[in-house]
Amino acid sequence: MAQPQQAARTRILETAYDLFSHNGVRAVGIDRIIAEANIAKATLYRHFPSKEDLVLAFLELREQRWTRDWLETETERRARSPKEHAVAIFDTLDEWFHSADFEGCSFIQTLLEIRDPDSAIHRAAAQHLGVIREKLARYAEQAGARDPEETSYQLQILLMGAIVSAARGDHAAARRARTFAELLLETSS
């Protein structure tokens, strides 16, 4: 059983995770998190001295849950071989775009909301997108790309574009992007 302090921290972070991932970090104030987590303001600030600290913790948790536990795991499960990871990621996105819990990419959203490149939050969002790009570089290498790094940037543009398109209502965006990813990998080998 979790200690009371740890339980409060977990409740705060879970509440923030749900609110930030569905509404963005700017739209959600500390008072709303306090109310929905049913905690005192002092409890929140004991665990997260500032909203920035809470947003940074949210982004870390999002990377673990979304990038590593879901996107990476599901993509690698879907591919019949490592060579197919670079296109299977679009199949994973396609399923997500058609699910009731599709809420868009918190990293993209946060990067656009917090535009100051000197902000720790902006840098963290960019770094978390960098983790995804590094995964795409590995997938591009497995697919035989001559320049896996360059190919990973191109794949990430397709991936982010598909996410943004799906957020505006184009739920077939991942399938469309997959077609371009196949062509890209074909010409980069």
N, C-alpha and C. Protein backbone atom coordinates (compact mmCIF):
# COMPACT_ATOMS: atom_id res chain seq x y z
N MET A 1 0.84 -1.18 0.00
CA MET A 1 0.00 0.00 0.00
C MET A 1 0.89 1.25 0.00
N ALA A 2 0.50 2.24 -0.82
CA ALA A 2 1.30 3.45 -0.94
C ALA A 2 1.22 4.28 0.35
N GLN A 3 2.32 4.91 0.65
CA GLN A 3 2.35 5.82 1.79
C GLN A 3 1.46 7.02 1.47
N PRO A 4 0.88 7.67 2.50
CA PRO A 4 -0.02 8.80 2.23
C PRO A 4 0.61 9.90 1.37
N GLN A 5 1.89 10.22 1.62
CA GLN A 5 2.55 11.26 0.82
C GLN A 5 2.66 10.83 -0.64
N GLN A 6 3.05 9.58 -0.85
CA GLN A 6 3.18 9.07 -2.22
C GLN A 6 1.81 8.98 -2.88
N ALA A 7 0.79 8.60 -2.13
CA ALA A 7 -0.56 8.51 -2.69
C ALA A 7 -1.05 9.88 -3.13
N ALA A 8 -0.76 10.92 -2.35
CA ALA A 8 -1.17 12.27 -2.72
C ALA A 8 -0.43 12.72 -3.98
N ARG A 9 0.87 12.46 -4.06
CA ARG A 9 1.65 12.83 -5.25
C ARG A 9 1.10 12.12 -6.48
N THR A 10 0.82 10.84 -6.32
CA THR A 10 0.28 10.06 -7.44
C THR A 10 -1.07 10.61 -7.87
N ARG A 11 -1.93 10.94 -6.93
CA ARG A 11 -3.26 11.47 -7.26
C ARG A 11 -3.13 12.81 -8.00
N ILE A 12 -2.23 13.66 -7.55
CA ILE A 12 -2.01 14.95 -8.22
C ILE A 12 -1.53 14.72 -9.65
N LEU A 13 -0.52 13.87 -9.81
CA LEU A 13 0.05 13.63 -11.13
C LEU A 13 -0.95 12.95 -12.06
N GLU A 14 -1.73 12.01 -11.55
CA GLU A 14 -2.75 11.35 -12.38
C GLU A 14 -3.82 12.35 -12.83
N THR A 15 -4.22 13.23 -11.92
CA THR A 15 -5.21 14.25 -12.27
C THR A 15 -4.65 15.19 -13.33
N ALA A 16 -3.42 15.65 -13.10
CA ALA A 16 -2.78 16.54 -14.08
C ALA A 16 -2.60 15.84 -15.42
N TYR A 17 -2.24 14.56 -15.38
CA TYR A 17 -2.04 13.80 -16.61
C TYR A 17 -3.33 13.81 -17.44
N ASP A 18 -4.42 13.49 -16.80
CA ASP A 18 -5.70 13.45 -17.51
C ASP A 18 -6.08 14.84 -18.04
N LEU A 19 -5.96 15.84 -17.21
CA LEU A 19 -6.35 17.19 -17.63
C LEU A 19 -5.44 17.76 -18.69
N PHE A 20 -4.13 17.64 -18.50
CA PHE A 20 -3.18 18.20 -19.47
C PHE A 20 -3.27 17.47 -20.81
N SER A 21 -3.41 16.15 -20.80
CA SER A 21 -3.43 15.42 -22.06
C SER A 21 -4.69 15.69 -22.86
N HIS A 22 -5.78 16.05 -22.19
CA HIS A 22 -7.03 16.33 -22.91
C HIS A 22 -7.26 17.80 -23.19
N ASN A 23 -6.64 18.68 -22.40
CA ASN A 23 -6.94 20.11 -22.52
C ASN A 23 -5.73 20.99 -22.82
N GLY A 24 -4.53 20.44 -22.70
CA GLY A 24 -3.32 21.25 -22.85
C GLY A 24 -2.87 21.79 -21.50
N VAL A 25 -1.64 22.25 -21.46
CA VAL A 25 -1.10 22.70 -20.17
C VAL A 25 -1.50 24.13 -19.84
N ARG A 26 -1.72 24.95 -20.82
CA ARG A 26 -2.11 26.34 -20.54
C ARG A 26 -3.56 26.46 -20.10
N ALA A 27 -4.42 25.61 -20.62
CA ALA A 27 -5.85 25.71 -20.33
C ALA A 27 -6.21 25.23 -18.93
N VAL A 28 -5.31 24.51 -18.29
CA VAL A 28 -5.61 23.91 -16.99
C VAL A 28 -4.82 24.65 -15.91
N GLY A 29 -5.57 25.24 -15.00
CA GLY A 29 -4.93 25.95 -13.90
C GLY A 29 -4.71 25.06 -12.69
N ILE A 30 -3.87 25.52 -11.81
CA ILE A 30 -3.57 24.79 -10.57
C ILE A 30 -4.83 24.57 -9.74
N ASP A 31 -5.70 25.58 -9.68
CA ASP A 31 -6.92 25.44 -8.88
C ASP A 31 -7.80 24.29 -9.36
N ARG A 32 -7.86 24.09 -10.66
CA ARG A 32 -8.66 22.98 -11.19
C ARG A 32 -8.03 21.64 -10.80
N ILE A 33 -6.73 21.55 -10.87
CA ILE A 33 -6.04 20.31 -10.48
C ILE A 33 -6.28 20.03 -9.00
N ILE A 34 -6.16 21.06 -8.17
CA ILE A 34 -6.40 20.91 -6.73
C ILE A 34 -7.81 20.41 -6.47
N ALA A 35 -8.79 21.02 -7.15
CA ALA A 35 -10.18 20.63 -6.95
C ALA A 35 -10.44 19.19 -7.41
N GLU A 36 -9.95 18.85 -8.59
CA GLU A 36 -10.23 17.51 -9.12
C GLU A 36 -9.43 16.41 -8.43
N ALA A 37 -8.25 16.76 -7.90
CA ALA A 37 -7.47 15.78 -7.14
C ALA A 37 -7.94 15.70 -5.69
N ASN A 38 -8.78 16.66 -5.31
CA ASN A 38 -9.32 16.72 -3.95
C ASN A 38 -8.19 16.77 -2.90
N ILE A 39 -7.33 17.74 -3.09
CA ILE A 39 -6.20 17.92 -2.18
C ILE A 39 -6.10 19.41 -1.80
N ALA A 40 -5.34 19.68 -0.78
CA ALA A 40 -5.09 21.07 -0.38
C ALA A 40 -4.00 21.67 -1.26
N LYS A 41 -4.06 22.98 -1.42
CA LYS A 41 -3.05 23.68 -2.22
C LYS A 41 -1.65 23.40 -1.67
N ALA A 42 -1.51 23.39 -0.36
CA ALA A 42 -0.20 23.13 0.26
C ALA A 42 0.31 21.74 -0.11
N THR A 43 -0.60 20.78 -0.24
CA THR A 43 -0.19 19.42 -0.63
C THR A 43 0.37 19.42 -2.03
N LEU A 44 -0.30 20.12 -2.93
CA LEU A 44 0.21 20.19 -4.31
C LEU A 44 1.60 20.80 -4.32
N TYR A 45 1.76 21.93 -3.64
CA TYR A 45 3.05 22.62 -3.68
C TYR A 45 4.14 21.89 -2.90
N ARG A 46 3.77 21.02 -1.99
CA ARG A 46 4.76 20.19 -1.30
C ARG A 46 5.39 19.21 -2.29
N HIS A 47 4.58 18.69 -3.19
CA HIS A 47 5.06 17.70 -4.16
C HIS A 47 5.58 18.33 -5.45
N PHE A 48 4.97 19.44 -5.84
CA PHE A 48 5.35 20.14 -7.08
C PHE A 48 5.42 21.63 -6.75
N PRO A 49 6.61 22.15 -6.49
CA PRO A 49 6.75 23.53 -6.05
C PRO A 49 6.19 24.59 -7.03
N SER A 50 6.01 24.20 -8.29
CA SER A 50 5.46 25.13 -9.28
C SER A 50 4.67 24.34 -10.32
N LYS A 51 3.87 25.07 -11.10
CA LYS A 51 3.16 24.42 -12.19
C LYS A 51 4.17 23.86 -13.20
N GLU A 52 5.26 24.57 -13.39
CA GLU A 52 6.31 24.07 -14.30
C GLU A 52 6.78 22.69 -13.86
N ASP A 53 7.02 22.50 -12.56
CA ASP A 53 7.46 21.20 -12.06
C ASP A 53 6.43 20.12 -12.35
N LEU A 54 5.16 20.48 -12.21
CA LEU A 54 4.08 19.52 -12.47
C LEU A 54 4.00 19.19 -13.96
N VAL A 55 4.14 20.19 -14.81
CA VAL A 55 4.11 19.95 -16.26
C VAL A 55 5.29 19.07 -16.67
N LEU A 56 6.46 19.33 -16.13
CA LEU A 56 7.63 18.51 -16.46
C LEU A 56 7.42 17.06 -16.02
N ALA A 57 6.83 16.86 -14.84
CA ALA A 57 6.53 15.50 -14.38
C ALA A 57 5.50 14.84 -15.29
N PHE A 58 4.50 15.59 -15.72
CA PHE A 58 3.50 15.08 -16.65
C PHE A 58 4.16 14.63 -17.96
N LEU A 59 5.06 15.45 -18.51
CA LEU A 59 5.71 15.09 -19.77
C LEU A 59 6.55 13.83 -19.62
N GLU A 60 7.22 13.68 -18.49
CA GLU A 60 7.99 12.46 -18.22
C GLU A 60 7.06 11.24 -18.19
N LEU A 61 5.95 11.38 -17.47
CA LEU A 61 5.00 10.28 -17.38
C LEU A 61 4.40 9.97 -18.74
N ARG A 62 4.14 11.01 -19.53
CA ARG A 62 3.59 10.82 -20.88
C ARG A 62 4.57 10.04 -21.75
N GLU A 63 5.86 10.37 -21.64
CA GLU A 63 6.84 9.62 -22.43
C GLU A 63 6.82 8.15 -22.04
N GLN A 64 6.78 7.89 -20.76
CA GLN A 64 6.77 6.49 -20.31
C GLN A 64 5.52 5.77 -20.80
N ARG A 65 4.38 6.35 -20.55
CA ARG A 65 3.11 5.68 -20.90
C ARG A 65 2.84 5.65 -22.39
N TRP A 66 2.97 6.80 -23.05
CA TRP A 66 2.56 6.88 -24.44
C TRP A 66 3.66 6.40 -25.37
N THR A 67 4.86 6.95 -25.20
CA THR A 67 5.94 6.64 -26.14
C THR A 67 6.47 5.23 -25.94
N ARG A 68 6.85 4.91 -24.71
CA ARG A 68 7.52 3.63 -24.46
C ARG A 68 6.53 2.47 -24.24
N ASP A 69 5.60 2.65 -23.31
CA ASP A 69 4.70 1.54 -22.97
C ASP A 69 3.68 1.25 -24.06
N TRP A 70 3.24 2.29 -24.79
CA TRP A 70 2.22 2.04 -25.80
C TRP A 70 2.78 2.09 -27.22
N LEU A 71 3.27 3.24 -27.68
CA LEU A 71 3.66 3.39 -29.09
C LEU A 71 4.76 2.40 -29.49
N GLU A 72 5.82 2.37 -28.72
CA GLU A 72 6.93 1.47 -29.04
C GLU A 72 6.51 0.01 -28.93
N THR A 73 5.87 -0.34 -27.85
CA THR A 73 5.46 -1.73 -27.63
C THR A 73 4.47 -2.20 -28.69
N GLU A 74 3.48 -1.38 -28.95
CA GLU A 74 2.45 -1.76 -29.92
C GLU A 74 3.01 -1.82 -31.34
N THR A 75 3.88 -0.90 -31.69
CA THR A 75 4.50 -0.90 -33.02
C THR A 75 5.32 -2.16 -33.23
N GLU A 76 6.11 -2.50 -32.24
CA GLU A 76 6.98 -3.67 -32.37
C GLU A 76 6.18 -4.97 -32.34
N ARG A 77 5.04 -4.95 -31.68
CA ARG A 77 4.16 -6.13 -31.67
C ARG A 77 3.53 -6.32 -33.06
N ARG A 78 3.17 -5.24 -33.70
CA ARG A 78 2.48 -5.31 -34.99
C ARG A 78 3.39 -5.74 -36.14
N ALA A 79 4.64 -5.34 -36.09
CA ALA A 79 5.56 -5.61 -37.20
C ALA A 79 5.94 -7.09 -37.22
N ARG A 80 5.95 -7.67 -38.40
CA ARG A 80 6.35 -9.08 -38.53
C ARG A 80 7.86 -9.25 -38.41
N SER A 81 8.60 -8.16 -38.66
CA SER A 81 10.05 -8.19 -38.53
C SER A 81 10.51 -6.78 -38.17
N PRO A 82 11.72 -6.65 -37.61
CA PRO A 82 12.23 -5.31 -37.30
C PRO A 82 12.26 -4.38 -38.51
N LYS A 83 12.43 -4.94 -39.68
CA LYS A 83 12.46 -4.13 -40.90
C LYS A 83 11.14 -3.39 -41.12
N GLU A 84 10.05 -3.90 -40.56
CA GLU A 84 8.72 -3.30 -40.76
C GLU A 84 8.32 -2.29 -39.68
N HIS A 85 9.15 -2.10 -38.67
CA HIS A 85 8.79 -1.16 -37.60
C HIS A 85 8.47 0.24 -38.11
N ALA A 86 9.26 0.72 -39.08
CA ALA A 86 9.12 2.09 -39.56
C ALA A 86 7.77 2.35 -40.22
N VAL A 87 7.13 1.33 -40.77
CA VAL A 87 5.78 1.53 -41.32
C VAL A 87 4.70 1.06 -40.35
N ALA A 88 5.02 0.09 -39.51
CA ALA A 88 4.04 -0.40 -38.54
C ALA A 88 3.64 0.68 -37.54
N ILE A 89 4.52 1.66 -37.32
CA ILE A 89 4.18 2.74 -36.40
C ILE A 89 2.94 3.49 -36.89
N PHE A 90 2.76 3.56 -38.20
CA PHE A 90 1.59 4.25 -38.75
C PHE A 90 0.33 3.40 -38.57
N ASP A 91 0.47 2.08 -38.54
CA ASP A 91 -0.68 1.21 -38.23
C ASP A 91 -1.10 1.40 -36.77
N THR A 92 -0.11 1.57 -35.90
CA THR A 92 -0.39 1.82 -34.49
C THR A 92 -1.14 3.14 -34.34
N LEU A 93 -0.66 4.16 -35.03
CA LEU A 93 -1.34 5.46 -34.98
C LEU A 93 -2.75 5.37 -35.54
N ASP A 94 -2.92 4.60 -36.61
CA ASP A 94 -4.24 4.46 -37.21
C ASP A 94 -5.25 3.92 -36.20
N GLU A 95 -4.85 2.93 -35.45
CA GLU A 95 -5.76 2.39 -34.43
C GLU A 95 -6.07 3.45 -33.38
N TRP A 96 -5.06 4.20 -32.96
CA TRP A 96 -5.25 5.25 -31.96
C TRP A 96 -6.20 6.33 -32.47
N PHE A 97 -6.03 6.73 -33.74
CA PHE A 97 -6.87 7.77 -34.31
C PHE A 97 -8.35 7.37 -34.33
N HIS A 98 -8.62 6.07 -34.37
CA HIS A 98 -9.99 5.57 -34.40
C HIS A 98 -10.52 5.20 -33.02
N SER A 99 -9.73 5.41 -31.99
CA SER A 99 -10.16 5.04 -30.64
C SER A 99 -10.84 6.22 -29.94
N ALA A 100 -11.65 5.90 -28.97
CA ALA A 100 -12.37 6.93 -28.21
C ALA A 100 -11.42 7.78 -27.37
N ASP A 101 -10.23 7.27 -27.05
CA ASP A 101 -9.32 8.02 -26.19
C ASP A 101 -8.25 8.80 -26.97
N PHE A 102 -8.43 8.99 -28.28
CA PHE A 102 -7.48 9.80 -29.04
C PHE A 102 -7.60 11.25 -28.58
N GLU A 103 -6.49 11.79 -28.07
CA GLU A 103 -6.50 13.16 -27.58
C GLU A 103 -5.42 14.02 -28.21
N GLY A 104 -4.71 13.48 -29.18
CA GLY A 104 -3.63 14.24 -29.81
C GLY A 104 -2.32 14.03 -29.07
N CYS A 105 -1.29 14.67 -29.54
CA CYS A 105 0.06 14.51 -28.98
C CYS A 105 0.35 15.62 -27.97
N SER A 106 0.53 15.24 -26.74
CA SER A 106 0.82 16.21 -25.68
C SER A 106 2.14 16.92 -25.91
N PHE A 107 3.10 16.26 -26.53
CA PHE A 107 4.39 16.90 -26.78
C PHE A 107 4.26 18.01 -27.82
N ILE A 108 3.55 17.73 -28.91
CA ILE A 108 3.32 18.75 -29.94
C ILE A 108 2.51 19.90 -29.34
N GLN A 109 1.42 19.56 -28.66
CA GLN A 109 0.55 20.58 -28.06
C GLN A 109 1.34 21.48 -27.11
N THR A 110 2.14 20.88 -26.24
CA THR A 110 2.90 21.66 -25.27
C THR A 110 3.94 22.53 -25.96
N LEU A 111 4.60 21.98 -26.96
CA LEU A 111 5.60 22.73 -27.71
C LEU A 111 4.97 23.98 -28.35
N LEU A 112 3.76 23.83 -28.86
CA LEU A 112 3.08 24.97 -29.49
C LEU A 112 2.52 25.94 -28.46
N GLU A 113 2.11 25.45 -27.32
CA GLU A 113 1.58 26.33 -26.26
C GLU A 113 2.68 27.14 -25.59
N ILE A 114 3.80 26.52 -25.33
CA ILE A 114 4.93 27.17 -24.64
C ILE A 114 6.01 27.40 -25.69
N ARG A 115 5.94 28.52 -26.34
CA ARG A 115 6.78 28.77 -27.52
C ARG A 115 8.18 29.29 -27.20
N ASP A 116 8.41 29.72 -25.99
CA ASP A 116 9.70 30.26 -25.60
C ASP A 116 10.75 29.15 -25.58
N PRO A 117 11.72 29.17 -26.50
CA PRO A 117 12.72 28.09 -26.54
C PRO A 117 13.58 28.00 -25.29
N ASP A 118 13.60 29.05 -24.47
CA ASP A 118 14.37 29.02 -23.23
C ASP A 118 13.58 28.43 -22.06
N SER A 119 12.30 28.18 -22.27
CA SER A 119 11.47 27.60 -21.21
C SER A 119 11.84 26.13 -21.01
N ALA A 120 11.94 25.73 -19.75
CA ALA A 120 12.22 24.32 -19.44
C ALA A 120 11.14 23.41 -20.00
N ILE A 121 9.90 23.89 -20.00
CA ILE A 121 8.79 23.08 -20.53
C ILE A 121 8.93 22.91 -22.03
N HIS A 122 9.24 23.98 -22.74
CA HIS A 122 9.44 23.90 -24.20
C HIS A 122 10.58 22.93 -24.53
N ARG A 123 11.68 23.09 -23.82
CA ARG A 123 12.83 22.21 -24.06
C ARG A 123 12.49 20.75 -23.76
N ALA A 124 11.72 20.52 -22.70
CA ALA A 124 11.33 19.14 -22.35
C ALA A 124 10.43 18.55 -23.42
N ALA A 125 9.46 19.31 -23.91
CA ALA A 125 8.57 18.81 -24.97
C ALA A 125 9.38 18.46 -26.21
N ALA A 126 10.33 19.34 -26.57
CA ALA A 126 11.19 19.07 -27.73
C ALA A 126 12.04 17.82 -27.49
N GLN A 127 12.55 17.67 -26.29
CA GLN A 127 13.37 16.51 -25.95
C GLN A 127 12.56 15.22 -26.05
N HIS A 128 11.31 15.25 -25.60
CA HIS A 128 10.47 14.05 -25.67
C HIS A 128 10.14 13.72 -27.13
N LEU A 129 9.96 14.73 -27.97
CA LEU A 129 9.79 14.47 -29.40
C LEU A 129 11.09 13.90 -29.98
N GLY A 130 12.22 14.34 -29.44
CA GLY A 130 13.52 13.81 -29.87
C GLY A 130 13.67 12.32 -29.56
N VAL A 131 13.10 11.89 -28.46
CA VAL A 131 13.13 10.46 -28.11
C VAL A 131 12.39 9.66 -29.18
N ILE A 132 11.26 10.17 -29.63
CA ILE A 132 10.50 9.49 -30.69
C ILE A 132 11.32 9.48 -31.98
N ARG A 133 11.97 10.61 -32.30
CA ARG A 133 12.77 10.66 -33.52
C ARG A 133 13.93 9.68 -33.45
N GLU A 134 14.53 9.53 -32.29
CA GLU A 134 15.61 8.55 -32.14
C GLU A 134 15.10 7.13 -32.36
N LYS A 135 13.90 6.85 -31.90
CA LYS A 135 13.29 5.54 -32.13
C LYS A 135 13.07 5.35 -33.63
N LEU A 136 12.61 6.39 -34.30
CA LEU A 136 12.40 6.32 -35.75
C LEU A 136 13.73 6.10 -36.49
N ALA A 137 14.82 6.67 -35.98
CA ALA A 137 16.13 6.44 -36.60
C ALA A 137 16.52 4.97 -36.50
N ARG A 138 16.24 4.38 -35.35
CA ARG A 138 16.52 2.94 -35.20
C ARG A 138 15.66 2.12 -36.16
N TYR A 139 14.39 2.48 -36.26
CA TYR A 139 13.50 1.78 -37.18
C TYR A 139 13.95 1.96 -38.63
N ALA A 140 14.39 3.19 -38.99
CA ALA A 140 14.87 3.44 -40.35
C ALA A 140 16.11 2.61 -40.65
N GLU A 141 16.99 2.51 -39.66
CA GLU A 141 18.19 1.68 -39.84
C GLU A 141 17.81 0.22 -40.06
N GLN A 142 16.86 -0.28 -39.29
CA GLN A 142 16.39 -1.66 -39.44
C GLN A 142 15.75 -1.88 -40.80
N ALA A 143 15.16 -0.82 -41.36
CA ALA A 143 14.52 -0.93 -42.67
C ALA A 143 15.52 -0.79 -43.81
N GLY A 144 16.79 -0.51 -43.49
CA GLY A 144 17.83 -0.45 -44.51
C GLY A 144 18.07 0.93 -45.09
N ALA A 145 17.62 1.98 -44.42
CA ALA A 145 17.84 3.33 -44.94
C ALA A 145 19.34 3.65 -44.98
N ARG A 146 19.77 4.28 -46.07
CA ARG A 146 21.18 4.67 -46.21
C ARG A 146 21.58 5.72 -45.16
N ASP A 147 20.67 6.63 -44.87
CA ASP A 147 20.91 7.68 -43.89
C ASP A 147 19.76 7.64 -42.87
N PRO A 148 19.87 6.75 -41.89
CA PRO A 148 18.77 6.58 -40.93
C PRO A 148 18.39 7.86 -40.19
N GLU A 149 19.37 8.69 -39.89
CA GLU A 149 19.05 9.93 -39.17
C GLU A 149 18.18 10.85 -40.01
N GLU A 150 18.59 11.10 -41.23
CA GLU A 150 17.79 11.96 -42.12
C GLU A 150 16.41 11.34 -42.35
N THR A 151 16.38 10.06 -42.58
CA THR A 151 15.10 9.37 -42.80
C THR A 151 14.21 9.49 -41.56
N SER A 152 14.80 9.45 -40.37
CA SER A 152 14.00 9.56 -39.15
C SER A 152 13.34 10.92 -39.04
N TYR A 153 14.03 11.97 -39.46
CA TYR A 153 13.41 13.30 -39.45
C TYR A 153 12.23 13.34 -40.42
N GLN A 154 12.40 12.73 -41.57
CA GLN A 154 11.33 12.71 -42.56
C GLN A 154 10.14 11.88 -42.07
N LEU A 155 10.44 10.74 -41.44
CA LEU A 155 9.36 9.93 -40.88
C LEU A 155 8.63 10.67 -39.77
N GLN A 156 9.38 11.42 -38.95
CA GLN A 156 8.73 12.15 -37.87
C GLN A 156 7.83 13.27 -38.40
N ILE A 157 8.24 13.89 -39.49
CA ILE A 157 7.37 14.89 -40.10
C ILE A 157 6.05 14.24 -40.52
N LEU A 158 6.13 13.06 -41.12
CA LEU A 158 4.92 12.34 -41.51
C LEU A 158 4.09 11.97 -40.28
N LEU A 159 4.74 11.50 -39.25
CA LEU A 159 4.05 11.09 -38.02
C LEU A 159 3.35 12.28 -37.37
N MET A 160 4.07 13.38 -37.20
CA MET A 160 3.47 14.56 -36.55
C MET A 160 2.36 15.15 -37.42
N GLY A 161 2.57 15.17 -38.72
CA GLY A 161 1.53 15.66 -39.61
C GLY A 161 0.27 14.81 -39.54
N ALA A 162 0.46 13.50 -39.43
CA ALA A 162 -0.70 12.61 -39.32
C ALA A 162 -1.45 12.87 -38.01
N ILE A 163 -0.73 13.08 -36.92
CA ILE A 163 -1.37 13.35 -35.64
C ILE A 163 -2.17 14.64 -35.69
N VAL A 164 -1.57 15.68 -36.25
CA VAL A 164 -2.27 16.96 -36.36
C VAL A 164 -3.49 16.81 -37.27
N SER A 165 -3.34 16.11 -38.38
CA SER A 165 -4.47 15.89 -39.29
C SER A 165 -5.60 15.11 -38.61
N ALA A 166 -5.23 14.11 -37.84
CA ALA A 166 -6.25 13.34 -37.12
C ALA A 166 -6.96 14.22 -36.10
N ALA A 167 -6.22 15.12 -35.46
CA ALA A 167 -6.83 16.02 -34.47
C ALA A 167 -7.84 16.96 -35.11
N ARG A 168 -7.67 17.26 -36.38
CA ARG A 168 -8.65 18.11 -37.07
C ARG A 168 -9.77 17.30 -37.70
N GLY A 169 -9.73 15.96 -37.51
CA GLY A 169 -10.84 15.13 -37.97
C GLY A 169 -10.52 14.13 -39.06
N ASP A 170 -9.31 14.13 -39.59
CA ASP A 170 -8.93 13.20 -40.65
C ASP A 170 -8.44 11.90 -40.01
N HIS A 171 -9.35 11.00 -39.71
CA HIS A 171 -8.99 9.76 -39.01
C HIS A 171 -8.28 8.75 -39.91
N ALA A 172 -8.19 9.03 -41.21
CA ALA A 172 -7.43 8.17 -42.13
C ALA A 172 -6.02 8.70 -42.34
N ALA A 173 -5.62 9.70 -41.60
CA ALA A 173 -4.31 10.35 -41.80
C ALA A 173 -3.14 9.38 -41.65
N ALA A 174 -3.21 8.46 -40.72
CA ALA A 174 -2.09 7.52 -40.52
C ALA A 174 -1.93 6.60 -41.72
N ARG A 175 -3.04 6.18 -42.30
CA ARG A 175 -2.95 5.32 -43.48
C ARG A 175 -2.36 6.08 -44.66
N ARG A 176 -2.75 7.34 -44.78
CA ARG A 176 -2.19 8.17 -45.85
C ARG A 176 -0.69 8.38 -45.64
N ALA A 177 -0.32 8.67 -44.40
CA ALA A 177 1.10 8.89 -44.08
C ALA A 177 1.90 7.61 -44.27
N ARG A 178 1.29 6.47 -43.99
CA ARG A 178 1.99 5.18 -44.16
C ARG A 178 2.41 4.99 -45.61
N THR A 179 1.55 5.38 -46.54
CA THR A 179 1.87 5.27 -47.96
C THR A 179 3.13 6.06 -48.29
N PHE A 180 3.23 7.28 -47.75
CA PHE A 180 4.42 8.10 -47.98
C PHE A 180 5.64 7.52 -47.27
N ALA A 181 5.44 6.94 -46.10
CA ALA A 181 6.54 6.32 -45.37
C ALA A 181 7.12 5.14 -46.18
N GLU A 182 6.24 4.36 -46.78
CA GLU A 182 6.70 3.24 -47.62
C GLU A 182 7.54 3.74 -48.78
N LEU A 183 7.05 4.81 -49.44
CA LEU A 183 7.80 5.39 -50.57
C LEU A 183 9.13 5.97 -50.10
N LEU A 184 9.12 6.63 -48.98
CA LEU A 184 10.34 7.19 -48.42
C LEU A 184 11.37 6.11 -48.14
N LEU A 185 10.94 5.04 -47.50
CA LEU A 185 11.86 3.95 -47.17
C LEU A 185 12.37 3.25 -48.43
N GLU A 186 11.51 3.14 -49.42
CA GLU A 186 11.90 2.52 -50.69
C GLU A 186 13.00 3.33 -51.38
N THR A 187 12.88 4.65 -51.37
CA THR A 187 13.84 5.49 -52.05
C THR A 187 15.10 5.77 -51.20
N SER A 188 15.01 5.51 -49.90
CA SER A 188 16.16 5.80 -49.04
C SER A 188 17.03 4.58 -48.80
N SER A 189 16.67 3.45 -49.40
CA SER A 189 17.44 2.21 -49.20
C SER A 189 18.49 2.05 -50.29
